[in-house]
C-alpha atoms as a PDB file:
ATOM      1  CA  MET A   1      98.939 110.878  92.865  1.00  0.00           C
ATOM      2  CA  GLY A   2      96.368 112.992  94.700  1.00  0.00           C
ATOM      3  CA  ILE A   3      95.677 112.783  98.434  1.00  0.00           C
ATOM      4  CA  VAL A   4      92.728 110.397  97.939  1.00  0.00           C
ATOM      5  CA  GLU A   5      94.832 108.050  95.822  1.00  0.00           C
ATOM      6  CA  ILE A   6      97.720 108.218  98.299  1.00  0.00           C
ATOM      7  CA  LEU A   7      95.398 107.391 101.193  1.00  0.00           C
ATOM      8  CA  GLY A   8      93.855 104.580  99.154  1.00  0.00           C
ATOM      9  CA  VAL A   9      97.240 103.053  98.383  1.00  0.00           C
ATOM     10  CA  ALA A  10      98.313 103.508 102.019  1.00  0.00           C
ATOM     11  CA  GLY A  11      95.137 101.828 103.257  1.00  0.00           C
ATOM     12  CA  SER A  12      95.441  98.943 100.807  1.00  0.00           C
ATOM     13  CA  LEU A  13      99.106  98.330 101.643  1.00  0.00           C
ATOM     14  CA  SER A  14      98.406  98.478 105.392  1.00  0.00           C
ATOM     15  CA  LEU A  15      95.517  96.031 105.215  1.00  0.00           C
ATOM     16  CA  LEU A  16      97.453  93.642 102.980  1.00  0.00           C
ATOM     17  CA  ALA A  17     100.430  93.897 105.350  1.00  0.00           C
ATOM     18  CA  GLY A  18      98.194  92.241 107.939  1.00  0.00           C
ATOM     19  CA  TRP A  19      98.106  89.194 105.668  1.00  0.00           C
ATOM     20  CA  ARG A  20     101.550  89.229 104.092  1.00  0.00           C
ATOM     21  CA  LEU A  21     103.831  91.934 105.475  1.00  0.00           C
ATOM     22  CA  TYR A  22     107.037  90.891 103.714  1.00  0.00           C
ATOM     23  CA  LEU A  23     105.339  90.275 100.372  1.00  0.00           C
ATOM     24  CA  THR A  24     103.727  93.719 100.599  1.00  0.00           C
ATOM     25  CA  ILE A  25     107.081  95.394 101.267  1.00  0.00           C
ATOM     26  CA  LEU A  26     108.776  93.354  98.530  1.00  0.00           C
ATOM     27  CA  ALA A  27     106.101  94.110  95.914  1.00  0.00           C
ATOM     28  CA  THR A  28     106.024  97.818  96.793  1.00  0.00           C
ATOM     29  CA  GLY A  29     109.818  98.055  96.644  1.00  0.00           C
ATOM     30  CA  VAL A  30     109.980  96.274  93.284  1.00  0.00           C
ATOM     31  CA  ALA A  31     107.221  98.530  91.900  1.00  0.00           C
ATOM     32  CA  MET A  32     109.186 101.596  92.964  1.00  0.00           C
ATOM     33  CA  ARG A  33     112.473 100.277  91.641  1.00  0.00           C
ATOM     34  CA  PHE A  34     111.012  99.742  88.171  1.00  0.00           C
ATOM     35  CA  GLY A  35     108.905 102.909  88.204  1.00  0.00           C
ATOM     36  CA  TRP A  36     105.517 101.159  88.326  1.00  0.00           C
ATOM     37  CA  LEU A  37     104.503 103.197  91.394  1.00  0.00           C
ATOM     38  CA  PRO A  38     105.311 106.881  90.708  1.00  0.00           C
ATOM     39  CA  LEU A  39     105.531 108.982  93.853  1.00  0.00           C
ATOM     40  CA  PRO A  40     105.291 112.726  94.475  1.00  0.00           C
ATOM     41  CA  GLU A  41     108.462 114.564  95.449  1.00  0.00           C
ATOM     42  CA  HIS A  42     107.648 114.635  99.151  1.00  0.00           C
ATOM     43  CA  LEU A  43     107.565 110.829  99.182  1.00  0.00           C
ATOM     44  CA  ALA A  44     111.073 110.419  97.810  1.00  0.00           C
ATOM     45  CA  ALA A  45     112.225 108.982 101.160  1.00  0.00           C
ATOM     46  CA  LEU A  46     109.962 105.982 100.553  1.00  0.00           C
ATOM     47  CA  GLN A  47     112.362 104.911  97.800  1.00  0.00           C
ATOM     48  CA  ILE A  48     114.295 103.186 100.589  1.00  0.00           C
ATOM     49  CA  LEU A  49     111.951 100.244 100.007  1.00  0.00           C
ATOM     50  CA  ALA A  50     113.594  99.844  96.586  1.00  0.00           C
ATOM     51  CA  ASP A  51     117.042  99.496  98.161  1.00  0.00           C
ATOM     52  CA  PRO A  52     118.618  96.120  97.224  1.00  0.00           C
ATOM     53  CA  TRP A  53     119.263  95.268 100.891  1.00  0.00           C
ATOM     54  CA  VAL A  54     115.665  95.986 101.844  1.00  0.00           C
ATOM     55  CA  LEU A  55     114.439  93.963  98.877  1.00  0.00           C
ATOM     56  CA  GLY A  56     116.738  91.095  99.843  1.00  0.00           C
ATOM     57  CA  VAL A  57     115.526  90.985 103.456  1.00  0.00           C
ATOM     58  CA  ALA A  58     111.906  91.286 102.298  1.00  0.00           C
ATOM     59  CA  ALA A  59     112.446  88.419  99.843  1.00  0.00           C
ATOM     60  CA  VAL A  60     113.841  86.179 102.594  1.00  0.00           C
ATOM     61  CA  GLY A  61     110.929  87.126 104.866  1.00  0.00           C
ATOM     62  CA  THR A  62     108.461  86.432 102.048  1.00  0.00           C
ATOM     63  CA  LEU A  63     109.907  82.949 101.492  1.00  0.00           C
ATOM     64  CA  ALA A  64     109.910  82.159 105.228  1.00  0.00           C
ATOM     65  CA  GLU A  65     106.330  83.372 105.574  1.00  0.00           C
ATOM     66  CA  PHE A  66     105.259  81.406 102.500  1.00  0.00           C
ATOM     67  CA  LEU A  67     106.638  78.157 103.952  1.00  0.00           C
ATOM     68  CA  ALA A  68     105.531  78.694 107.568  1.00  0.00           C
ATOM     69  CA  ASP A  69     102.025  79.612 106.477  1.00  0.00           C
ATOM     70  CA  LYS A  70     101.472  76.236 104.785  1.00  0.00           C
ATOM     71  CA  ILE A  71     102.009  74.120 107.923  1.00  0.00           C
ATOM     72  CA  ALA A  72      99.159  73.772 110.405  1.00  0.00           C
ATOM     73  CA  TRP A  73      99.890  75.266 113.853  1.00  0.00           C
ATOM     74  CA  VAL A  74     103.284  76.524 112.645  1.00  0.00           C
ATOM     75  CA  ASP A  75     101.282  79.273 110.937  1.00  0.00           C
ATOM     76  CA  THR A  76      99.569  80.004 114.273  1.00  0.00           C
ATOM     77  CA  ILE A  77     102.945  80.420 115.987  1.00  0.00           C
ATOM     78  CA  TRP A  78     104.098  82.649 113.103  1.00  0.00           C
ATOM     79  CA  ASP A  79     100.927  84.749 113.352  1.00  0.00           C
ATOM     80  CA  THR A  80     101.349  85.097 117.120  1.00  0.00           C
ATOM     81  CA  VAL A  81     104.927  86.318 116.735  1.00  0.00           C
ATOM     82  CA  HIS A  82     103.789  88.812 114.090  1.00  0.00           C
ATOM     83  CA  SER A  83     100.830  90.166 116.093  1.00  0.00           C
ATOM     84  CA  ILE A  84     102.935  93.256 116.795  1.00  0.00           C
ATOM     85  CA  VAL A  85     105.201  93.218 113.735  1.00  0.00           C
ATOM     86  CA  ARG A  86     102.428  93.340 111.124  1.00  0.00           C
ATOM     87  CA  PRO A  87     100.430  96.226 112.639  1.00  0.00           C
ATOM     88  CA  LEU A  88     103.650  98.188 113.173  1.00  0.00           C
ATOM     89  CA  GLY A  89     104.764  97.465 109.607  1.00  0.00           C
ATOM     90  CA  GLY A  90     101.357  98.494 108.251  1.00  0.00           C
ATOM     91  CA  ALA A  91     101.460 101.706 110.278  1.00  0.00           C
ATOM     92  CA  LEU A  92     104.942 102.582 109.025  1.00  0.00           C
ATOM     93  CA  LEU A  93     103.972 101.874 105.409  1.00  0.00           C
ATOM     94  CA  ALA A  94     100.988 104.211 105.721  1.00  0.00           C
ATOM     95  CA  LEU A  95     103.081 106.829 107.516  1.00  0.00           C
ATOM     96  CA  ALA A  96     105.718 106.783 104.795  1.00  0.00           C
ATOM     97  CA  LEU A  97     103.101 107.594 102.153  1.00  0.00           C
ATOM     98  CA  VAL A  98     101.909 110.789 103.867  1.00  0.00           C
ATOM     99  CA  ASP A  99     103.471 114.230 103.528  1.00  0.00           C
ATOM    100  CA  SER A 100     105.979 114.594 106.360  1.00  0.00           C
ATOM    101  CA  SER A 101     105.272 118.349 106.549  1.00  0.00           C
ATOM    102  CA  ASP A 102     101.752 117.693 107.861  1.00  0.00           C
ATOM    103  CA  PRO A 103     101.907 116.182 111.397  1.00  0.00           C
ATOM    104  CA  ALA A 104      98.134 115.795 111.621  1.00  0.00           C
ATOM    105  CA  TRP A 105      97.974 113.591 108.538  1.00  0.00           C
ATOM    106  CA  GLN A 106     100.975 111.643 109.798  1.00  0.00           C
ATOM    107  CA  VAL A 107      99.186 110.781 113.053  1.00  0.00           C
ATOM    108  CA  VAL A 108      96.010 109.852 111.175  1.00  0.00           C
ATOM    109  CA  ALA A 109      97.927 107.684 108.704  1.00  0.00           C
ATOM    110  CA  PHE A 110      99.891 105.944 111.465  1.00  0.00           C
ATOM    111  CA  LEU A 111      96.765 105.135 113.481  1.00  0.00           C
ATOM    112  CA  LEU A 112      94.692 104.050 110.479  1.00  0.00           C
ATOM    113  CA  GLY A 113      97.575 102.068 108.987  1.00  0.00           C
ATOM    114  CA  GLY A 114      98.273 100.232 112.226  1.00  0.00           C
ATOM    115  CA  GLY A 115      94.575  99.684 112.867  1.00  0.00           C
ATOM    116  CA  GLY A 116      93.993  98.388 109.347  1.00  0.00           C
ATOM    117  CA  ALA A 117      96.910  95.959 109.538  1.00  0.00           C
ATOM    118  CA  LEU A 118      95.760  94.776 112.974  1.00  0.00           C
ATOM    119  CA  LEU A 119      92.226  94.273 111.657  1.00  0.00           C
ATOM    120  CA  SER A 120      93.294  92.153 108.681  1.00  0.00           C
ATOM    121  CA  HIS A 121      95.814  90.278 110.842  1.00  0.00           C
ATOM    122  CA  GLY A 122      93.008  89.469 113.289  1.00  0.00           C
ATOM    123  CA  ALA A 123      90.835  88.141 110.458  1.00  0.00           C
ATOM    124  CA  LYS A 124      93.706  86.010 109.163  1.00  0.00           C
ATOM    125  CA  ALA A 125      94.624  84.613 112.586  1.00  0.00           C
ATOM    126  CA  THR A 126      90.991  83.829 113.423  1.00  0.00           C
ATOM    127  CA  THR A 127      90.522  82.073 110.084  1.00  0.00           C
ATOM    128  CA  ARG A 128      93.584  79.922 110.703  1.00  0.00           C
ATOM    129  CA  ALA A 129      92.400  79.023 114.208  1.00  0.00           C
ATOM    130  CA  VAL A 130      89.236  77.591 112.648  1.00  0.00           C
ATOM    131  CA  VAL A 131      91.004  75.896 109.723  1.00  0.00           C
ATOM    132  CA  ASN A 132      93.583  74.250 112.001  1.00  0.00           C
ATOM    133  CA  VAL A 133      90.779  72.427 113.842  1.00  0.00           C
ATOM    134  CA  SER A 134      90.088  70.482 110.648  1.00  0.00           C
ATOM    135  CA  PRO A 135      91.624  66.964 110.824  1.00  0.00           C
ATOM    136  CA  GLU A 136      92.637  66.838 107.158  1.00  0.00           C
ATOM    137  CA  PRO A 137      95.986  68.428 106.204  1.00  0.00           C
ATOM    138  CA  PHE A 138      95.072  70.134 102.926  1.00  0.00           C
ATOM    139  CA  SER A 139      92.702  72.926 103.966  1.00  0.00           C
ATOM    140  CA  ASN A 140      95.497  74.933 105.594  1.00  0.00           C
ATOM    141  CA  ALA A 141      97.658  74.891 102.466  1.00  0.00           C
ATOM    142  CA  ALA A 142      94.635  75.728 100.297  1.00  0.00           C
ATOM    143  CA  VAL A 143      93.645  78.730 102.430  1.00  0.00           C
ATOM    144  CA  SER A 144      97.261  79.914 102.595  1.00  0.00           C
ATOM    145  CA  THR A 145      97.672  79.662  98.821  1.00  0.00           C
ATOM    146  CA  GLY A 146      94.435  81.617  98.388  1.00  0.00           C
ATOM    147  CA  GLU A 147      95.849  84.362 100.615  1.00  0.00           C
ATOM    148  CA  ASP A 148      99.068  84.420  98.557  1.00  0.00           C
ATOM    149  CA  VAL A 149      97.157  84.812  95.294  1.00  0.00           C
ATOM    150  CA  ALA A 150      94.719  87.390  96.716  1.00  0.00           C
ATOM    151  CA  THR A 151      97.517  89.463  98.253  1.00  0.00           C
ATOM    152  CA  GLY A 152      99.548  89.452  95.038  1.00  0.00           C
ATOM    153  CA  GLY A 153      96.539  90.288  92.869  1.00  0.00           C
ATOM    154  CA  LEU A 154      95.224  93.088  95.093  1.00  0.00           C
ATOM    155  CA  LEU A 155      98.714  94.568  95.457  1.00  0.00           C
ATOM    156  CA  ALA A 156      99.091  94.605  91.683  1.00  0.00           C
ATOM    157  CA  LEU A 157      95.712  96.343  91.275  1.00  0.00           C
ATOM    158  CA  ALA A 158      96.427  98.935  93.978  1.00  0.00           C
ATOM    159  CA  ILE A 159      99.839  99.748  92.506  1.00  0.00           C
ATOM    160  CA  ALA A 160      98.817  99.715  88.838  1.00  0.00           C
ATOM    161  CA  TYR A 161      95.525 101.596  89.372  1.00  0.00           C
ATOM    162  CA  PRO A 162      95.811 103.937  92.407  1.00  0.00           C
ATOM    163  CA  PRO A 163      92.214 105.230  91.952  1.00  0.00           C
ATOM    164  CA  LEU A 164      90.992 101.696  92.689  1.00  0.00           C
ATOM    165  CA  ALA A 165      93.100 101.455  95.843  1.00  0.00           C
ATOM    166  CA  ILE A 166      90.538 103.229  98.024  1.00  0.00           C
ATOM    167  CA  VAL A 167      87.846 100.783  96.884  1.00  0.00           C
ATOM    168  CA  ILE A 168      90.157  97.852  97.615  1.00  0.00           C
ATOM    169  CA  ALA A 169      90.934  99.251 101.080  1.00  0.00           C
ATOM    170  CA  VAL A 170      87.249  99.674 101.965  1.00  0.00           C
ATOM    171  CA  LEU A 171      86.330  96.195 100.705  1.00  0.00           C
ATOM    172  CA  LEU A 172      89.220  94.604 102.613  1.00  0.00           C
ATOM    173  CA  ALA A 173      88.251  96.378 105.838  1.00  0.00           C
ATOM    174  CA  VAL A 174      84.580  95.365 105.539  1.00  0.00           C
ATOM    175  CA  ALA A 175      85.505  91.775 104.662  1.00  0.00           C
ATOM    176  CA  ALA A 176      87.874  91.563 107.646  1.00  0.00           C
ATOM    177  CA  VAL A 177      85.170  92.746 110.067  1.00  0.00           C
ATOM    178  CA  VAL A 178      82.622  90.279 108.646  1.00  0.00           C
ATOM    179  CA  VAL A 179      85.109  87.393 108.826  1.00  0.00           C
ATOM    180  CA  ILE A 180      86.121  88.152 112.410  1.00  0.00           C
ATOM    181  CA  ILE A 181      82.501  88.351 113.613  1.00  0.00           C
ATOM    182  CA  ALA A 182      81.435  85.187 111.778  1.00  0.00           C
ATOM    183  CA  LEU A 183      84.440  83.119 112.835  1.00  0.00           C
ATOM    184  CA  ARG A 184      84.281  84.231 116.469  1.00  0.00           C
ATOM    185  CA  ARG A 185      80.678  83.016 116.598  1.00  0.00           C
ATOM    186  CA  LEU A 186      81.720  79.753 114.959  1.00  0.00           C
ATOM    187  CA  LEU A 187      84.529  79.258 117.470  1.00  0.00           C
ATOM    188  CA  ARG A 188      82.147  79.884 120.374  1.00  0.00           C
ATOM    189  CA  ASN A 189      79.721  77.307 118.955  1.00  0.00           C
ATOM    190  CA  ILE A 190      82.522  74.758 118.528  1.00  0.00           C
ATOM    191  CA  LYS A 191      83.718  75.364 122.080  1.00  0.00           C
ATOM    192  CA  ALA A 192      80.196  74.954 123.487  1.00  0.00           C
ATOM    193  CA  THR A 193      79.686  71.757 121.482  1.00  0.00           C
ATOM    194  CA  LEU A 194      82.965  70.297 122.752  1.00  0.00           C
ATOM    195  CA  LYS A 195      82.058  71.136 126.354  1.00  0.00           C
ATOM    196  CA  ARG A 196      78.724  69.374 126.018  1.00  0.00           C
ATOM    197  CA  ALA A 197      80.361  66.376 124.354  1.00  0.00           C
ATOM    198  CA  LEU A 198      82.906  66.091 127.168  1.00  0.00           C
ATOM    199  CA  GLY A 199      80.260  66.492 129.839  1.00  0.00           C
ATOM    200  CA  ASP A 200      81.684  69.757 131.169  1.00  0.00           C
ATOM    201  CA  GLU A 201      78.424  71.533 130.594  1.00  0.00           C
ATOM    202  CA  PRO A 202      74.858  70.256 130.950  1.00  0.00           C
ATOM    203  CA  PRO A 203      72.849  70.047 127.738  1.00  0.00           C
ATOM    204  CA  PRO A 204      70.371  72.833 127.084  1.00  0.00           C
ATOM    205  CA  PRO A 205      66.922  72.206 128.611  1.00  0.00           C
ATOM    206  CA  ILE A 206      64.303  70.610 126.405  1.00  0.00           C
ATOM    207  CA  ASP A 207      60.910  72.255 126.402  1.00  0.00           C
ATOM    208  CA  ALA A 208      58.075  70.016 127.446  1.00  0.00           C
END
């Protein structure tokens, strides 16, 4: 893989780690173990993700995340706990994909990887905050299942077709920014509506 493809894969994995960290590690490790993700020589250390112990821990984490993410408010607690874990995991995944002999690229990869994972994690957490307000119990499971399918599908594309990984990374980053902005506005509107309904805030003036 060339540098552009490596950066694309690193960006895609980091952003997807903000949604599903353990699934991302598990899928990447399995792809390496079976040779679906060929790596240059300088990335041989990344083969640690294919270690059976790492795969086992990632599989347990994937199952726990899958179950926790389907239960309203439990997913919020899980997301809160992982507000540091996911960005750090995304940063380390990106760092591991960059040539260790180039410190400048390592710093860039670490910052971009952590920032990308934090961005997608923020979009996910904000989405769940809105969905959890819904009184019916099915929307949370539906959104969570959609995230599972999207993460698995995008991971498969990024690993099978590294040239597409940079496109996937850019689209994920743009989508995360759009979602965060839109949902933050929606949350502010909901909060203002609740305040007016509870009488904590006077209604807006009516023009004569």
